[in-house]
C-alpha atoms as a PDB file:
ATOM      1  CA  UNK A   1       0.211  -0.190  -0.186  1.00  0.00           C
ATOM      2  CA  UNK A   2       1.436   3.112  -0.980  1.00  0.00           C
ATOM      3  CA  UNK A   3       2.364   5.650   1.781  1.00  0.00           C
ATOM      4  CA  UNK A   4       0.706   9.053   1.811  1.00  0.00           C
ATOM      5  CA  UNK A   5       2.859  12.234   1.119  1.00  0.00           C
ATOM      6  CA  UNK A   6       3.869  14.055   4.416  1.00  0.00           C
ATOM      7  CA  UNK A   7       3.478  17.428   4.732  1.00  0.00           C
ATOM      8  CA  UNK A   8       6.849  18.418   4.056  1.00  0.00           C
ATOM      9  CA  UNK A   9       7.188  15.748   1.081  1.00  0.00           C
ATOM     10  CA  UNK A  10       8.193  16.834  -2.340  1.00  0.00           C
ATOM     11  CA  UNK A  11       5.209  16.645  -4.675  1.00  0.00           C
ATOM     12  CA  UNK A  12       5.506  15.522  -8.653  1.00  0.00           C
ATOM     13  CA  UNK A  13       4.292  19.070  -9.352  1.00  0.00           C
ATOM     14  CA  UNK A  14       7.128  20.711  -7.019  1.00  0.00           C
ATOM     15  CA  UNK A  15       9.715  19.032  -9.135  1.00  0.00           C
ATOM     16  CA  UNK A  16       8.441  19.942 -12.298  1.00  0.00           C
ATOM     17  CA  UNK A  17       8.302  23.698 -11.228  1.00  0.00           C
ATOM     18  CA  UNK A  18      11.574  23.614  -9.946  1.00  0.00           C
ATOM     19  CA  UNK A  19      12.917  22.057 -13.167  1.00  0.00           C
ATOM     20  CA  UNK A  20      11.270  24.980 -14.883  1.00  0.00           C
ATOM     21  CA  UNK A  21      12.729  27.234 -12.563  1.00  0.00           C
ATOM     22  CA  UNK A  22      16.415  26.093 -12.797  1.00  0.00           C
ATOM     23  CA  UNK A  23      16.026  26.358 -16.684  1.00  0.00           C
ATOM     24  CA  UNK A  24      15.182  29.931 -16.211  1.00  0.00           C
ATOM     25  CA  UNK A  25      17.985  30.772 -13.710  1.00  0.00           C
ATOM     26  CA  UNK A  26      20.285  29.093 -16.517  1.00  0.00           C
ATOM     27  CA  UNK A  27      19.756  30.788 -19.564  1.00  0.00           C
ATOM     28  CA  UNK A  28      22.560  31.873 -21.453  1.00  0.00           C
ATOM     29  CA  UNK A  29      22.185  34.601 -24.222  1.00  0.00           C
ATOM     30  CA  UNK A  30      24.386  34.423 -27.189  1.00  0.00           C
ATOM     31  CA  UNK A  31      24.114  36.885 -30.145  1.00  0.00           C
ATOM     32  CA  UNK A  32      21.572  35.125 -32.208  1.00  0.00           C
ATOM     33  CA  UNK A  33      20.205  32.927 -29.776  1.00  0.00           C
ATOM     34  CA  UNK A  34      19.533  32.172 -26.200  1.00  0.00           C
ATOM     35  CA  UNK A  35      20.465  28.552 -24.877  1.00  0.00           C
ATOM     36  CA  UNK A  36      18.701  26.780 -21.957  1.00  0.00           C
ATOM     37  CA  UNK A  37      20.414  23.958 -19.764  1.00  0.00           C
ATOM     38  CA  UNK A  38      19.870  20.858 -21.642  1.00  0.00           C
ATOM     39  CA  UNK A  39      20.923  18.234 -18.971  1.00  0.00           C
ATOM     40  CA  UNK A  40      19.227  18.100 -15.553  1.00  0.00           C
ATOM     41  CA  UNK A  41      19.909  15.779 -12.613  1.00  0.00           C
ATOM     42  CA  UNK A  42      17.361  16.236  -9.865  1.00  0.00           C
ATOM     43  CA  UNK A  43      18.114  14.764  -6.566  1.00  0.00           C
ATOM     44  CA  UNK A  44      15.116  13.833  -4.022  1.00  0.00           C
ATOM     45  CA  UNK A  45      15.202  12.538  -0.395  1.00  0.00           C
ATOM     46  CA  UNK A  46      14.625   8.722  -0.550  1.00  0.00           C
ATOM     47  CA  UNK A  47      11.273   8.676   1.160  1.00  0.00           C
ATOM     48  CA  UNK A  48      10.192  11.124  -1.745  1.00  0.00           C
ATOM     49  CA  UNK A  49      11.624   9.035  -4.425  1.00  0.00           C
ATOM     50  CA  UNK A  50      10.384   5.736  -3.305  1.00  0.00           C
ATOM     51  CA  UNK A  51       7.081   7.403  -3.120  1.00  0.00           C
ATOM     52  CA  UNK A  52       7.001   8.719  -6.281  1.00  0.00           C
ATOM     53  CA  UNK A  53       9.238   6.042  -8.043  1.00  0.00           C
ATOM     54  CA  UNK A  54       5.950   4.594  -9.932  1.00  0.00           C
ATOM     55  CA  UNK A  55       5.563   7.740 -11.858  1.00  0.00           C
ATOM     56  CA  UNK A  56       9.168   8.773 -12.336  1.00  0.00           C
ATOM     57  CA  UNK A  57       8.815   8.447 -16.217  1.00  0.00           C
ATOM     58  CA  UNK A  58       5.429  10.663 -15.933  1.00  0.00           C
ATOM     59  CA  UNK A  59       7.120  13.434 -14.216  1.00  0.00           C
ATOM     60  CA  UNK A  60      10.097  13.457 -16.855  1.00  0.00           C
ATOM     61  CA  UNK A  61       7.847  13.646 -19.730  1.00  0.00           C
ATOM     62  CA  UNK A  62       5.604  16.278 -18.252  1.00  0.00           C
ATOM     63  CA  UNK A  63       8.794  18.308 -17.083  1.00  0.00           C
ATOM     64  CA  UNK A  64       9.649  18.182 -20.820  1.00  0.00           C
ATOM     65  CA  UNK A  65       6.374  19.602 -21.889  1.00  0.00           C
ATOM     66  CA  UNK A  66       6.701  21.987 -19.318  1.00  0.00           C
ATOM     67  CA  UNK A  67       9.898  23.161 -20.350  1.00  0.00           C
ATOM     68  CA  UNK A  68       8.683  23.583 -23.890  1.00  0.00           C
ATOM     69  CA  UNK A  69       5.795  25.620 -22.713  1.00  0.00           C
ATOM     70  CA  UNK A  70       8.084  27.689 -20.704  1.00  0.00           C
ATOM     71  CA  UNK A  71      10.136  28.382 -23.934  1.00  0.00           C
ATOM     72  CA  UNK A  72       7.292  29.406 -25.999  1.00  0.00           C
ATOM     73  CA  UNK A  73       5.816  31.594 -22.993  1.00  0.00           C
ATOM     74  CA  UNK A  74       9.247  33.523 -22.524  1.00  0.00           C
ATOM     75  CA  UNK A  75       9.503  34.092 -26.536  1.00  0.00           C
ATOM     76  CA  UNK A  76       5.873  34.861 -26.803  1.00  0.00           C
ATOM     77  CA  UNK A  77       5.439  37.164 -23.992  1.00  0.00           C
ATOM     78  CA  UNK A  78       3.182  40.241 -23.644  1.00  0.00           C
ATOM     79  CA  UNK A  79       3.410  43.647 -25.356  1.00  0.00           C
ATOM     80  CA  UNK A  80       5.593  44.921 -22.820  1.00  0.00           C
ATOM     81  CA  UNK A  81       7.720  42.223 -22.839  1.00  0.00           C
ATOM     82  CA  UNK A  82       8.178  41.939 -26.618  1.00  0.00           C
ATOM     83  CA  UNK A  83       8.724  45.572 -26.859  1.00  0.00           C
ATOM     84  CA  UNK A  84      11.412  45.464 -24.303  1.00  0.00           C
ATOM     85  CA  UNK A  85      13.085  42.290 -25.736  1.00  0.00           C
ATOM     86  CA  UNK A  86      13.063  44.317 -29.243  1.00  0.00           C
ATOM     87  CA  UNK A  87      14.877  47.412 -27.582  1.00  0.00           C
ATOM     88  CA  UNK A  88      17.382  44.972 -25.976  1.00  0.00           C
ATOM     89  CA  UNK A  89      17.812  42.824 -28.801  1.00  0.00           C
ATOM     90  CA  UNK A  90      17.389  39.733 -26.830  1.00  0.00           C
ATOM     91  CA  UNK A  91      17.626  36.588 -28.976  1.00  0.00           C
ATOM     92  CA  UNK A  92      15.063  34.023 -28.757  1.00  0.00           C
ATOM     93  CA  UNK A  93      15.192  31.128 -26.249  1.00  0.00           C
ATOM     94  CA  UNK A  94      16.035  27.773 -28.637  1.00  0.00           C
ATOM     95  CA  UNK A  95      15.288  24.227 -27.168  1.00  0.00           C
ATOM     96  CA  UNK A  96      18.217  21.955 -27.024  1.00  0.00           C
ATOM     97  CA  UNK A  97      18.774  20.054 -30.304  1.00  0.00           C
ATOM     98  CA  UNK A  98      19.254  16.815 -28.542  1.00  0.00           C
ATOM     99  CA  UNK A  99      15.974  17.368 -26.469  1.00  0.00           C
ATOM    100  CA  UNK A 100      15.876  17.665 -22.453  1.00  0.00           C
ATOM    101  CA  UNK A 101      17.722  15.221 -20.619  1.00  0.00           C
ATOM    102  CA  UNK A 102      16.060  14.872 -17.280  1.00  0.00           C
ATOM    103  CA  UNK A 103      17.170  11.863 -14.526  1.00  0.00           C
ATOM    104  CA  UNK A 104      15.866  11.892 -11.131  1.00  0.00           C
ATOM    105  CA  UNK A 105      18.171  10.349  -8.450  1.00  0.00           C
ATOM    106  CA  UNK A 106      18.288   9.506  -4.949  1.00  0.00           C
ATOM    107  CA  UNK A 107      20.060  12.424  -2.542  1.00  0.00           C
ATOM    108  CA  UNK A 108      22.402  10.239   0.025  1.00  0.00           C
ATOM    109  CA  UNK A 109      23.351  13.453   1.912  1.00  0.00           C
ATOM    110  CA  UNK A 110      22.777  12.778   5.652  1.00  0.00           C
ATOM    111  CA  UNK A 111      21.442  15.922   6.145  1.00  0.00           C
ATOM    112  CA  UNK A 112      18.709  15.732   3.075  1.00  0.00           C
ATOM    113  CA  UNK A 113      15.061  16.004   4.308  1.00  0.00           C
ATOM    114  CA  UNK A 114      12.009  14.977   2.888  1.00  0.00           C
ATOM    115  CA  UNK A 115      10.773  17.898   0.425  1.00  0.00           C
ATOM    116  CA  UNK A 116      14.275  18.896  -0.468  1.00  0.00           C
ATOM    117  CA  UNK A 117      14.771  19.209  -4.130  1.00  0.00           C
ATOM    118  CA  UNK A 118      18.490  19.757  -5.423  1.00  0.00           C
ATOM    119  CA  UNK A 119      18.885  20.264  -9.334  1.00  0.00           C
ATOM    120  CA  UNK A 120      22.280  20.510 -11.283  1.00  0.00           C
ATOM    121  CA  UNK A 121      21.785  21.489 -14.780  1.00  0.00           C
ATOM    122  CA  UNK A 122      24.374  21.489 -17.787  1.00  0.00           C
ATOM    123  CA  UNK A 123      24.359  24.170 -20.569  1.00  0.00           C
ATOM    124  CA  UNK A 124      25.545  22.066 -23.373  1.00  0.00           C
ATOM    125  CA  UNK A 125      25.177  21.031 -26.822  1.00  0.00           C
ATOM    126  CA  UNK A 126      25.176  17.367 -26.726  1.00  0.00           C
ATOM    127  CA  UNK A 127      26.552  15.204 -29.331  1.00  0.00           C
ATOM    128  CA  UNK A 128      24.070  12.255 -28.614  1.00  0.00           C
ATOM    129  CA  UNK A 129      21.074  11.756 -26.588  1.00  0.00           C
ATOM    130  CA  UNK A 130      22.453  10.793 -23.322  1.00  0.00           C
ATOM    131  CA  UNK A 131      23.747  12.333 -20.096  1.00  0.00           C
ATOM    132  CA  UNK A 132      26.633  14.344 -20.113  1.00  0.00           C
ATOM    133  CA  UNK A 133      26.767  13.605 -24.113  1.00  0.00           C
ATOM    134  CA  UNK A 134      28.271  16.970 -24.982  1.00  0.00           C
ATOM    135  CA  UNK A 135      30.799  19.803 -23.723  1.00  0.00           C
ATOM    136  CA  UNK A 136      29.654  21.481 -20.578  1.00  0.00           C
ATOM    137  CA  UNK A 137      29.723  25.294 -20.939  1.00  0.00           C
ATOM    138  CA  UNK A 138      28.148  26.262 -17.788  1.00  0.00           C
ATOM    139  CA  UNK A 139      26.436  24.393 -14.537  1.00  0.00           C
ATOM    140  CA  UNK A 140      23.824  25.991 -12.371  1.00  0.00           C
ATOM    141  CA  UNK A 141      22.322  24.553  -9.308  1.00  0.00           C
ATOM    142  CA  UNK A 142      18.763  25.454  -7.562  1.00  0.00           C
ATOM    143  CA  UNK A 143      17.623  24.002  -4.306  1.00  0.00           C
ATOM    144  CA  UNK A 144      14.350  23.943  -2.545  1.00  0.00           C
ATOM    145  CA  UNK A 145      15.152  22.856   0.996  1.00  0.00           C
ATOM    146  CA  UNK A 146      12.448  22.957   3.599  1.00  0.00           C
ATOM    147  CA  UNK A 147      10.286  25.068   1.084  1.00  0.00           C
ATOM    148  CA  UNK A 148      12.579  27.994   0.606  1.00  0.00           C
ATOM    149  CA  UNK A 149      14.166  28.132  -2.872  1.00  0.00           C
ATOM    150  CA  UNK A 150      17.822  29.122  -3.645  1.00  0.00           C
ATOM    151  CA  UNK A 151      20.252  29.332  -6.349  1.00  0.00           C
ATOM    152  CA  UNK A 152      24.163  28.483  -6.139  1.00  0.00           C
ATOM    153  CA  UNK A 153      26.667  30.180  -8.138  1.00  0.00           C
ATOM    154  CA  UNK A 154      30.399  28.931  -7.743  1.00  0.00           C
ATOM    155  CA  UNK A 155      33.524  31.213  -8.132  1.00  0.00           C
ATOM    156  CA  UNK A 156      36.543  30.139  -9.781  1.00  0.00           C
ATOM    157  CA  UNK A 157      39.973  30.579  -7.989  1.00  0.00           C
ATOM    158  CA  UNK A 158      42.890  31.579 -10.448  1.00  0.00           C
ATOM    159  CA  UNK A 159      45.777  29.162 -10.942  1.00  0.00           C
ATOM    160  CA  UNK A 160      48.363  29.639  -8.217  1.00  0.00           C
ATOM    161  CA  UNK A 161      52.122  28.624  -8.059  1.00  0.00           C
ATOM    162  CA  UNK A 162      52.909  25.483  -6.135  1.00  0.00           C
ATOM    163  CA  UNK A 163      53.909  26.094  -2.423  1.00  0.00           C
ATOM    164  CA  UNK A 164      57.463  25.318  -1.713  1.00  0.00           C
ATOM    165  CA  UNK A 165      56.381  23.087   1.321  1.00  0.00           C
ATOM    166  CA  UNK A 166      53.589  21.125  -0.919  1.00  0.00           C
ATOM    167  CA  UNK A 167      53.874  17.374  -0.489  1.00  0.00           C
ATOM    168  CA  UNK A 168      51.562  17.107  -3.786  1.00  0.00           C
ATOM    169  CA  UNK A 169      49.407  18.274  -6.334  1.00  0.00           C
ATOM    170  CA  UNK A 170      45.890  17.575  -7.224  1.00  0.00           C
ATOM    171  CA  UNK A 171      44.191  18.506 -10.369  1.00  0.00           C
ATOM    172  CA  UNK A 172      40.531  18.263 -11.174  1.00  0.00           C
ATOM    173  CA  UNK A 173      37.807  19.898 -13.127  1.00  0.00           C
ATOM    174  CA  UNK A 174      35.296  21.969 -11.551  1.00  0.00           C
ATOM    175  CA  UNK A 175      32.279  23.691 -13.751  1.00  0.00           C
ATOM    176  CA  UNK A 176      34.456  23.257 -16.947  1.00  0.00           C
ATOM    177  CA  UNK A 177      37.597  25.014 -15.535  1.00  0.00           C
ATOM    178  CA  UNK A 178      40.943  23.260 -14.838  1.00  0.00           C
ATOM    179  CA  UNK A 179      42.435  23.634 -11.110  1.00  0.00           C
ATOM    180  CA  UNK A 180      45.156  22.493  -9.018  1.00  0.00           C
ATOM    181  CA  UNK A 181      45.236  21.875  -5.108  1.00  0.00           C
ATOM    182  CA  UNK A 182      48.545  21.639  -3.384  1.00  0.00           C
ATOM    183  CA  UNK A 183      48.650  19.327  -0.153  1.00  0.00           C
ATOM    184  CA  UNK A 184      50.699  21.138   2.195  1.00  0.00           C
ATOM    185  CA  UNK A 185      49.799  19.230   5.425  1.00  0.00           C
ATOM    186  CA  UNK A 186      50.209  15.515   6.161  1.00  0.00           C
ATOM    187  CA  UNK A 187      46.538  14.978   6.469  1.00  0.00           C
ATOM    188  CA  UNK A 188      43.480  16.684   4.353  1.00  0.00           C
ATOM    189  CA  UNK A 189      39.922  15.609   4.116  1.00  0.00           C
ATOM    190  CA  UNK A 190      38.246  15.994   0.311  1.00  0.00           C
ATOM    191  CA  UNK A 191      34.712  16.284  -0.267  1.00  0.00           C
ATOM    192  CA  UNK A 192      31.729  18.826  -0.896  1.00  0.00           C
ATOM    193  CA  UNK A 193      31.837  19.895   2.636  1.00  0.00           C
ATOM    194  CA  UNK A 194      29.025  21.975   4.215  1.00  0.00           C
ATOM    195  CA  UNK A 195      27.750  22.971   7.785  1.00  0.00           C
ATOM    196  CA  UNK A 196      29.407  20.707  10.303  1.00  0.00           C
ATOM    197  CA  UNK A 197      31.762  19.256   7.555  1.00  0.00           C
ATOM    198  CA  UNK A 198      35.180  20.335   7.488  1.00  0.00           C
ATOM    199  CA  UNK A 199      37.048  19.883   4.212  1.00  0.00           C
ATOM    200  CA  UNK A 200      40.570  20.946   3.061  1.00  0.00           C
ATOM    201  CA  UNK A 201      39.647  20.593  -0.658  1.00  0.00           C
ATOM    202  CA  UNK A 202      35.877  21.504  -1.120  1.00  0.00           C
ATOM    203  CA  UNK A 203      34.386  20.399  -4.442  1.00  0.00           C
ATOM    204  CA  UNK A 204      31.637  22.019  -6.028  1.00  0.00           C
ATOM    205  CA  UNK A 205      29.950  19.089  -7.796  1.00  0.00           C
ATOM    206  CA  UNK A 206      27.098  16.715  -7.657  1.00  0.00           C
ATOM    207  CA  UNK A 207      25.538  15.220  -4.511  1.00  0.00           C
ATOM    208  CA  UNK A 208      26.998  11.789  -5.402  1.00  0.00           C
ATOM    209  CA  UNK A 209      30.416  13.053  -3.784  1.00  0.00           C
ATOM    210  CA  UNK A 210      29.951  12.846  -0.164  1.00  0.00           C
ATOM    211  CA  UNK A 211      30.498  15.600   2.296  1.00  0.00           C
ATOM    212  CA  UNK A 212      33.342  14.239   3.715  1.00  0.00           C
ATOM    213  CA  UNK A 213      34.315  11.767   0.853  1.00  0.00           C
ATOM    214  CA  UNK A 214      37.933  10.790   1.507  1.00  0.00           C
ATOM    215  CA  UNK A 215      40.796  11.436   3.537  1.00  0.00           C
ATOM    216  CA  UNK A 216      44.455  11.528   2.410  1.00  0.00           C
ATOM    217  CA  UNK A 217      47.463  11.077   4.773  1.00  0.00           C
ATOM    218  CA  UNK A 218      51.214  11.559   4.107  1.00  0.00           C
ATOM    219  CA  UNK A 219      53.473   9.555   6.606  1.00  0.00           C
ATOM    220  CA  UNK A 220      56.186  12.227   7.434  1.00  0.00           C
ATOM    221  CA  UNK A 221      58.736   9.494   7.974  1.00  0.00           C
ATOM    222  CA  UNK A 222      58.493   7.415   4.838  1.00  0.00           C
ATOM    223  CA  UNK A 223      56.794  10.122   2.673  1.00  0.00           C
ATOM    224  CA  UNK A 224      54.439   7.585   1.304  1.00  0.00           C
ATOM    225  CA  UNK A 225      50.668   8.338   1.025  1.00  0.00           C
ATOM    226  CA  UNK A 226      47.458   6.612   1.938  1.00  0.00           C
ATOM    227  CA  UNK A 227      44.100   7.215   1.149  1.00  0.00           C
ATOM    228  CA  UNK A 228      40.620   6.247   3.371  1.00  0.00           C
ATOM    229  CA  UNK A 229      37.509   6.064   1.788  1.00  0.00           C
ATOM    230  CA  UNK A 230      34.670   7.883   4.079  1.00  0.00           C
ATOM    231  CA  UNK A 231      31.917   7.944   1.517  1.00  0.00           C
ATOM    232  CA  UNK A 232      28.507   6.445   0.757  1.00  0.00           C
ATOM    233  CA  UNK A 233      29.075   5.847  -2.920  1.00  0.00           C
ATOM    234  CA  UNK A 234      32.662   4.764  -3.192  1.00  0.00           C
ATOM    235  CA  UNK A 235      36.102   5.619  -4.404  1.00  0.00           C
ATOM    236  CA  UNK A 236      38.519   4.075  -6.834  1.00  0.00           C
ATOM    237  CA  UNK A 237      42.151   4.338  -7.486  1.00  0.00           C
ATOM    238  CA  UNK A 238      43.044   4.068 -11.326  1.00  0.00           C
ATOM    239  CA  UNK A 239      39.689   2.381 -11.769  1.00  0.00           C
ATOM    240  CA  UNK A 240      40.225  -0.288  -8.603  1.00  0.00           C
ATOM    241  CA  UNK A 241      37.479   0.248  -6.182  1.00  0.00           C
ATOM    242  CA  UNK A 242      38.644   1.097  -2.633  1.00  0.00           C
ATOM    243  CA  UNK A 243      37.256  -0.830   0.593  1.00  0.00           C
ATOM    244  CA  UNK A 244      35.333   1.446   2.342  1.00  0.00           C
ATOM    245  CA  UNK A 245      36.432   2.608   5.924  1.00  0.00           C
ATOM    246  CA  UNK A 246      33.023   3.266   7.170  1.00  0.00           C
ATOM    247  CA  UNK A 247      30.515   0.702   8.888  1.00  0.00           C
ATOM    248  CA  UNK A 248      27.164   1.886   9.187  1.00  0.00           C
ATOM    249  CA  UNK A 249      25.573  -1.076  10.580  1.00  0.00           C
ATOM    250  CA  UNK A 250      22.933  -0.471  13.118  1.00  0.00           C
ATOM    251  CA  UNK A 251      22.108   2.747  11.662  1.00  0.00           C
ATOM    252  CA  UNK A 252      25.324   4.568  13.080  1.00  0.00           C
ATOM    253  CA  UNK A 253      28.440   5.213  11.603  1.00  0.00           C
ATOM    254  CA  UNK A 254      31.934   3.868  12.796  1.00  0.00           C
ATOM    255  CA  UNK A 255      35.433   4.568  11.213  1.00  0.00           C
ATOM    256  CA  UNK A 256      37.145   1.248  10.634  1.00  0.00           C
ATOM    257  CA  UNK A 257      40.362   2.691  10.283  1.00  0.00           C
ATOM    258  CA  UNK A 258      40.852   1.222   6.769  1.00  0.00           C
ATOM    259  CA  UNK A 259      43.696   2.727   4.687  1.00  0.00           C
ATOM    260  CA  UNK A 260      45.228   1.949   1.142  1.00  0.00           C
ATOM    261  CA  UNK A 261      48.226   2.817  -0.197  1.00  0.00           C
ATOM    262  CA  UNK A 262      48.146   5.695  -2.943  1.00  0.00           C
ATOM    263  CA  UNK A 263      50.957   5.958  -5.396  1.00  0.00           C
ATOM    264  CA  UNK A 264      52.841   8.795  -6.481  1.00  0.00           C
ATOM    265  CA  UNK A 265      50.811   9.321  -9.359  1.00  0.00           C
ATOM    266  CA  UNK A 266      47.279   8.187  -9.346  1.00  0.00           C
ATOM    267  CA  UNK A 267      43.915   8.923 -10.481  1.00  0.00           C
ATOM    268  CA  UNK A 268      41.020   8.995  -7.851  1.00  0.00           C
ATOM    269  CA  UNK A 269      37.443   8.541  -8.757  1.00  0.00           C
ATOM    270  CA  UNK A 270      35.041  10.027  -6.368  1.00  0.00           C
ATOM    271  CA  UNK A 271      31.216   8.492  -6.659  1.00  0.00           C
ATOM    272  CA  UNK A 272      32.261   8.040 -10.373  1.00  0.00           C
ATOM    273  CA  UNK A 273      31.330  11.364 -11.131  1.00  0.00           C
ATOM    274  CA  UNK A 274      34.308  13.472 -10.160  1.00  0.00           C
ATOM    275  CA  UNK A 275      38.195  12.717 -10.645  1.00  0.00           C
ATOM    276  CA  UNK A 276      41.323  13.953  -9.065  1.00  0.00           C
ATOM    277  CA  UNK A 277      44.590  13.546 -10.798  1.00  0.00           C
ATOM    278  CA  UNK A 278      47.020  13.016  -7.625  1.00  0.00           C
ATOM    279  CA  UNK A 279      50.837  13.473  -7.933  1.00  0.00           C
ATOM    280  CA  UNK A 280      53.406  13.780  -5.536  1.00  0.00           C
ATOM    281  CA  UNK A 281      55.887  16.633  -5.756  1.00  0.00           C
ATOM    282  CA  UNK A 282      58.634  15.130  -3.720  1.00  0.00           C
ATOM    283  CA  UNK A 283      60.811  14.565  -6.998  1.00  0.00           C
ATOM    284  CA  UNK A 284      59.529  17.830  -8.793  1.00  0.00           C
END
């Protein structure tokens, strides 16, 4: 028997409206056209996803129709809006050539609540009809947490020279920008961070990556590096899965202090969605 929706649950209509809002926030004007985000990843609390699981295909279908209708509305507008656009020379909004790509997923964050809707969209020109099928030019995040809507923007850090005391360099891509982080302490935490979650390297990426995803440690005596997986969706080193250090039995969390050696040069995968190129700087 299906459970009734709680007062704070996300409804199917809420999800569709949030997808449309995300599209409006992510519009990118060019010279002859305005491009909307083409790819949407929607994250729901597990209870909401379980309750709505049977109608997810219908939600996706109606969300696509709502996006088409919103573009038509934006291009049509009222007389005042048409005159304003004509004066500013604003180009028309064009639907993505590859169609709207929408995926509804489970939000695995520990602090996620029923009713929360987090959407990460990409402004892209997909070469084929699949998620992340093209070159991303812009990514935008919108959230509706406990009924309050917000939009998240990221700021890019300029490239910096390697500090003299750096033990290792970590290269990664964030929102289409290549970045480098230098490890200058013997221990560091990598993840998305957040309230009550300290991270040395804070990543602006999908919720698949945990708030505290991995811990890197350098043994000061030997100079060797070690990695500990603290995540829910896993970590790989050069494509090989790392054993988890977290025991979640009984509804709690216990760190088993399981570490694996990390070579002087390695590719670290976080939940299969974010990749870090690690290299020791000991030998230049």
